[in-house]
Each structure stands twice: as C-alpha cells, then as structure tokens.
Amino acid sequence: MYLGFACETLGLKTTTATKSSFLIGTLVVITPFLEAVFKRKMPAKGNLLGAVVVFTGICLILLGEIGMEGSLMITSGDWITLGGAFFFSLYIIQMDRVSAEIPIRVSIFYQSFVAAFLALVSVIGLHFTGIEEARINPSMRLIPGVLYNALLASVLTTFLQTKFQRYVSPTRVGIIFSLEPVFSSIIAFLLLGETSGPVRIAGCTIVFAGLILAELIGKDREADF
C-alpha cells in the first residue's frame, strides 16, 4: 500500500493528474495477470472481458483530456506512476489472500501503522539527503485536506476494502478501482463546474459498461492451471 501511494505521489511531480489517473487505472489489466501468477487460477472470462472494456474506456478518457490539455509526452513521473499501479495490484492480490484470515481491526492497524511509519522514514530520509526539504506549514486550507486524506481516503477506504474484498475476486476489485477517473469527472463537474468533451463522456460510459458486463457475466468459474 505504501509503495503504491509513494509512487503515485512522486509521479505527480513530473506528470499530470490526468495521466496519473490513467496510469493508475492500468491496474485493471495488471491485476488479472498477477492473479493468474500468484493464485495459479485464470480469472473468470467475464471479468477479463470487463477489464478489457474498462481499460478501453480509460484510454478514451485519457484521449479526451489530451485533446483539451495538449500532447502526450512520456516523463519519468509516468514510469514511476506505472510502478504505483503495479504495487496497488500486488496489494489487491495480497488483500485477497489475508482478508479472510486476519481480523479487520488488526489488519487495518498494521496497514496504517506500517504505511505511516514508512512515509515518515521517507520524509526524514529525503530531508537529510537534501533531495527535498521537509516543511510543515499548517493552515486552515491544509488541515481539511490532511484530514480527508487520512480519514476518508485512507482509513475508511482501507476498512471497506479489508472487510468486503473477501467476497470479490481481485480482477473485479481492479475493475471497481478503475472507476476513479469517472468519479473524478463527476465530482469536478459538480464542485468545480468543469465540463467534459464527448470523447471523455464516451470513455466514462464505456467504463461503466465494462463494470456492468463483469457483474452480469463475470460469475463463471475460475480455471486452475
């Protein structure tokens, strides 16, 4: 979990939020391969088809943003963010393995504690190596953002994933996570008044279609190999 968040955060220094959302969304196609490797089971065909459809929609969302923001140029941040998608996929696979074995409270405590400890070590390391200075500038605008990220975006989401992932396959979890760019578009429209072009709207629609497709025909049995 820590490595995923760390790569996503570092990547944002040299890539755009739009490309970051797209690259993190690639976990929808990374997760099925990791599931096949670690569980030695091929994901349900319906889930695989849904993942492909969802990834197509995410690509359209990216193309819609490129049309509004400029050209697509690969940066070091893109590769770092892609690494974050890989680590998030590993996290999903690991949660699938332990969610039914470890009590929820214990799992959440250790996940949060380890992630917070490693983040603190990283900040101290970056500061004393001179790579980036650690600064604390508390303000009324900063506090709500910190509380939101700590309580809602981290603790609450970790609790929900830990509690319910035991009932969902890793591939389907990846499909659900891929709704991030869709929800970001909706929230940006409702709160910021941002509008989306037809390509991005089509991409969001296809993402939803892929999720529904996986739900309707993704319950066939997994095949051992």
Protein backbone atom coordinates (compact mmCIF):
# COMPACT_ATOMS: atom_id res chain seq x y z
CA MET A 1 0.00 0.00 0.00
CA TYR A 2 2.78 2.42 0.94
CA LEU A 3 4.74 1.78 -2.26
CA GLY A 4 1.63 2.40 -4.36
CA PHE A 5 0.86 5.73 -2.69
CA ALA A 6 4.54 6.74 -2.70
CA CYS A 7 4.95 6.09 -6.43
CA GLU A 8 1.69 7.88 -7.23
CA THR A 9 2.74 10.93 -5.17
CA LEU A 10 6.28 11.07 -6.58
CA GLY A 11 4.98 10.64 -10.10
CA LEU A 12 2.77 13.72 -9.78
CA LYS A 13 5.90 15.88 -9.55
CA THR A 14 6.61 15.37 -13.26
CA THR A 15 3.33 14.13 -14.74
CA THR A 16 -0.19 15.50 -14.97
CA ALA A 17 -3.12 14.47 -12.80
CA THR A 18 -4.90 13.23 -15.92
CA LYS A 19 -2.11 10.88 -16.96
CA SER A 20 -1.63 9.79 -13.35
CA SER A 21 -5.28 8.77 -13.15
CA PHE A 22 -4.94 6.84 -16.41
CA LEU A 23 -1.72 5.08 -15.41
CA ILE A 24 -3.07 4.06 -12.00
CA GLY A 25 -6.12 2.77 -13.87
CA THR A 26 -3.91 0.29 -15.72
CA LEU A 27 -4.12 -1.87 -12.61
CA VAL A 28 -7.34 -3.14 -14.18
CA VAL A 29 -5.23 -5.09 -16.70
CA ILE A 30 -2.24 -5.75 -14.42
CA THR A 31 -4.30 -7.39 -11.67
CA PRO A 32 -5.65 -10.33 -13.75
CA PHE A 33 -2.11 -11.34 -14.76
CA LEU A 34 -0.87 -11.15 -11.17
CA GLU A 35 -3.92 -13.10 -10.02
CA ALA A 36 -3.08 -15.84 -12.53
CA VAL A 37 0.56 -15.94 -11.34
CA PHE A 38 0.02 -15.88 -7.57
CA LYS A 39 -3.25 -17.83 -7.32
CA ARG A 40 -2.48 -20.12 -10.27
CA LYS A 41 -6.02 -19.56 -11.47
CA MET A 42 -7.23 -17.79 -14.56
CA PRO A 43 -9.78 -15.09 -13.68
CA ALA A 44 -13.36 -15.60 -14.84
CA LYS A 45 -13.75 -14.88 -18.55
CA GLY A 46 -16.45 -12.31 -17.87
CA ASN A 47 -14.14 -10.42 -15.53
CA LEU A 48 -11.35 -10.46 -18.12
CA LEU A 49 -13.71 -9.14 -20.78
CA GLY A 50 -14.95 -6.46 -18.39
CA ALA A 51 -11.34 -5.46 -17.64
CA VAL A 52 -10.59 -5.03 -21.35
CA VAL A 53 -13.72 -2.92 -21.87
CA VAL A 54 -12.92 -0.79 -18.81
CA PHE A 55 -9.34 -0.23 -20.00
CA THR A 56 -10.68 0.87 -23.39
CA GLY A 57 -12.87 3.42 -21.63
CA ILE A 58 -9.94 4.70 -19.57
CA CYS A 59 -7.92 5.15 -22.77
CA LEU A 60 -10.75 7.25 -24.23
CA ILE A 61 -10.84 9.37 -21.07
CA LEU A 62 -7.11 10.00 -21.48
CA LEU A 63 -7.51 10.85 -25.17
CA GLY A 64 -10.27 13.28 -24.31
CA GLU A 65 -8.02 15.02 -21.80
CA ILE A 66 -5.11 15.12 -24.25
CA GLY A 67 -7.38 16.86 -26.74
CA MET A 68 -8.07 19.58 -24.17
CA GLU A 69 -4.66 19.83 -22.48
CA GLY A 70 -2.06 19.18 -25.17
CA SER A 71 0.21 16.44 -26.44
CA LEU A 72 1.11 13.14 -24.82
CA MET A 73 4.75 13.18 -23.70
CA ILE A 74 6.29 10.40 -21.63
CA THR A 75 8.11 11.57 -18.48
CA SER A 76 9.91 9.86 -15.62
CA GLY A 77 6.84 10.50 -13.49
CA ASP A 78 4.80 8.36 -15.87
CA TRP A 79 7.05 5.36 -15.28
CA ILE A 80 7.01 5.92 -11.51
CA THR A 81 3.21 6.14 -11.53
CA LEU A 82 3.01 2.96 -13.59
CA GLY A 83 5.09 1.31 -10.88
CA GLY A 84 2.47 2.52 -8.40
CA ALA A 85 -0.22 0.72 -10.39
CA PHE A 86 1.85 -2.47 -10.18
CA PHE A 87 2.20 -2.14 -6.40
CA PHE A 88 -1.52 -1.41 -5.98
CA SER A 89 -2.24 -4.58 -7.96
CA LEU A 90 0.06 -6.56 -5.67
CA TYR A 91 -1.77 -5.03 -2.71
CA ILE A 92 -5.12 -6.20 -4.10
CA ILE A 93 -3.76 -9.75 -4.53
CA GLN A 94 -2.34 -9.76 -1.00
CA MET A 95 -5.59 -8.46 0.49
CA ASP A 96 -7.45 -11.24 -1.28
CA ARG A 97 -5.20 -13.74 0.49
CA VAL A 98 -5.32 -12.36 4.03
CA SER A 99 -8.69 -10.60 4.28
CA ALA A 100 -10.43 -13.78 5.43
CA GLU A 101 -7.61 -14.86 7.75
CA ILE A 102 -6.79 -11.75 9.80
CA PRO A 103 -9.29 -9.76 11.92
CA ILE A 104 -10.26 -6.48 10.27
CA ARG A 105 -9.12 -4.25 13.15
CA VAL A 106 -5.73 -5.94 13.31
CA SER A 107 -5.25 -5.71 9.55
CA ILE A 108 -6.21 -2.03 9.38
CA PHE A 109 -3.97 -1.15 12.33
CA TYR A 110 -0.90 -2.82 10.88
CA GLN A 111 -1.51 -1.48 7.38
CA SER A 112 -1.97 2.10 8.62
CA PHE A 113 0.92 1.91 11.09
CA VAL A 114 3.41 0.46 8.61
CA ALA A 115 2.39 2.88 5.84
CA ALA A 116 2.63 5.89 8.20
CA PHE A 117 5.99 4.73 9.59
CA LEU A 118 7.50 4.20 6.14
CA ALA A 119 6.15 7.57 5.00
CA LEU A 120 7.80 9.26 8.00
CA VAL A 121 11.09 7.48 7.31
CA SER A 122 10.91 8.57 3.67
CA VAL A 123 10.30 12.22 4.59
CA ILE A 124 13.21 12.20 7.05
CA GLY A 125 15.45 10.47 4.52
CA LEU A 126 14.60 12.92 1.73
CA HIS A 127 15.18 15.86 4.08
CA PHE A 128 18.59 14.82 5.39
CA THR A 129 19.86 13.70 1.98
CA GLY A 130 18.97 17.12 0.59
CA ILE A 131 16.67 15.71 -2.10
CA GLU A 132 13.67 17.59 -0.77
CA GLU A 133 13.26 19.78 2.29
CA ALA A 134 10.60 18.74 4.79
CA ARG A 135 8.39 21.69 5.71
CA ILE A 136 5.29 21.99 7.86
CA ASN A 137 3.14 24.99 7.03
CA PRO A 138 -0.17 24.47 8.84
CA SER A 139 -3.09 26.48 7.52
CA MET A 140 -6.87 26.33 7.53
CA ARG A 141 -6.76 25.18 3.90
CA LEU A 142 -4.25 22.42 4.64
CA ILE A 143 -5.96 20.85 7.65
CA PRO A 144 -9.19 19.77 5.86
CA GLY A 145 -7.13 18.21 3.07
CA VAL A 146 -4.96 16.28 5.53
CA LEU A 147 -8.00 15.06 7.48
CA TYR A 148 -9.75 13.99 4.29
CA ASN A 149 -6.73 12.06 3.02
CA ALA A 150 -6.02 10.48 6.40
CA LEU A 151 -9.54 9.52 7.49
CA LEU A 152 -11.68 9.13 4.38
CA ALA A 153 -9.23 8.41 1.55
CA SER A 154 -7.00 6.12 3.65
CA VAL A 155 -8.52 4.64 6.82
CA LEU A 156 -12.13 4.39 5.61
CA THR A 157 -11.26 3.00 2.18
CA THR A 158 -8.83 0.51 3.72
CA PHE A 159 -11.53 -0.62 6.16
CA LEU A 160 -14.09 -1.10 3.39
CA GLN A 161 -11.64 -2.98 1.16
CA THR A 162 -10.44 -5.18 4.02
CA LYS A 163 -13.99 -6.01 5.10
CA PHE A 164 -15.54 -6.76 1.73
CA GLN A 165 -12.75 -7.90 -0.61
CA ARG A 166 -13.12 -11.47 0.64
CA TYR A 167 -16.39 -11.58 -1.32
CA VAL A 168 -14.93 -10.21 -4.58
CA SER A 169 -12.23 -11.53 -6.91
CA PRO A 170 -9.03 -9.47 -7.34
CA THR A 171 -9.80 -8.85 -11.01
CA ARG A 172 -13.20 -7.41 -10.15
CA VAL A 173 -11.64 -5.24 -7.43
CA GLY A 174 -9.34 -3.81 -10.11
CA ILE A 175 -12.36 -3.07 -12.29
CA ILE A 176 -14.09 -1.27 -9.41
CA PHE A 177 -10.95 0.76 -8.66
CA SER A 178 -10.84 1.84 -12.30
CA LEU A 179 -13.94 3.97 -11.66
CA GLU A 180 -11.63 6.62 -10.15
CA PRO A 181 -11.38 8.78 -13.30
CA VAL A 182 -15.15 8.51 -13.79
CA PHE A 183 -15.93 9.72 -10.29
CA SER A 184 -13.28 12.45 -10.57
CA SER A 185 -15.04 13.75 -13.69
CA ILE A 186 -18.42 13.75 -11.94
CA ILE A 187 -17.08 15.48 -8.81
CA ALA A 188 -15.16 18.04 -10.89
CA PHE A 189 -18.40 18.86 -12.71
CA LEU A 190 -20.49 19.13 -9.52
CA LEU A 191 -17.99 21.04 -7.37
CA LEU A 192 -15.84 22.93 -9.85
CA GLY A 193 -18.14 23.31 -12.82
CA GLU A 194 -15.65 21.58 -15.12
CA THR A 195 -17.12 20.19 -18.33
CA SER A 196 -16.04 17.09 -20.24
CA GLY A 197 -15.84 16.67 -24.00
CA PRO A 198 -17.72 13.97 -25.92
CA VAL A 199 -14.69 11.64 -26.03
CA ARG A 200 -14.28 11.69 -22.26
CA ILE A 201 -18.03 11.20 -21.72
CA ALA A 202 -17.90 8.21 -24.07
CA GLY A 203 -14.94 6.84 -22.10
CA CYS A 204 -16.81 7.16 -18.79
CA THR A 205 -19.82 5.41 -20.31
CA ILE A 206 -17.66 2.53 -21.54
CA VAL A 207 -16.05 2.17 -18.09
CA PHE A 208 -19.50 1.81 -16.53
CA ALA A 209 -20.46 -0.65 -19.28
CA GLY A 210 -17.38 -2.76 -18.52
CA LEU A 211 -18.26 -2.82 -14.82
CA ILE A 212 -21.82 -3.94 -15.59
CA LEU A 213 -20.53 -6.51 -18.08
CA ALA A 214 -18.21 -8.02 -15.48
CA GLU A 215 -21.08 -8.13 -12.98
CA LEU A 216 -23.50 -9.81 -15.39
CA ILE A 217 -21.27 -12.44 -16.98
CA GLY A 218 -18.24 -12.48 -14.68
CA LYS A 219 -19.50 -15.17 -12.33
CA ASP A 220 -18.31 -18.14 -14.34
CA ARG A 221 -15.87 -20.44 -12.59
CA GLU A 222 -12.15 -19.75 -12.49
CA ALA A 223 -9.97 -22.33 -14.20
CA ASP A 224 -6.97 -23.92 -12.49
CA PHE A 225 -3.78 -24.35 -14.46
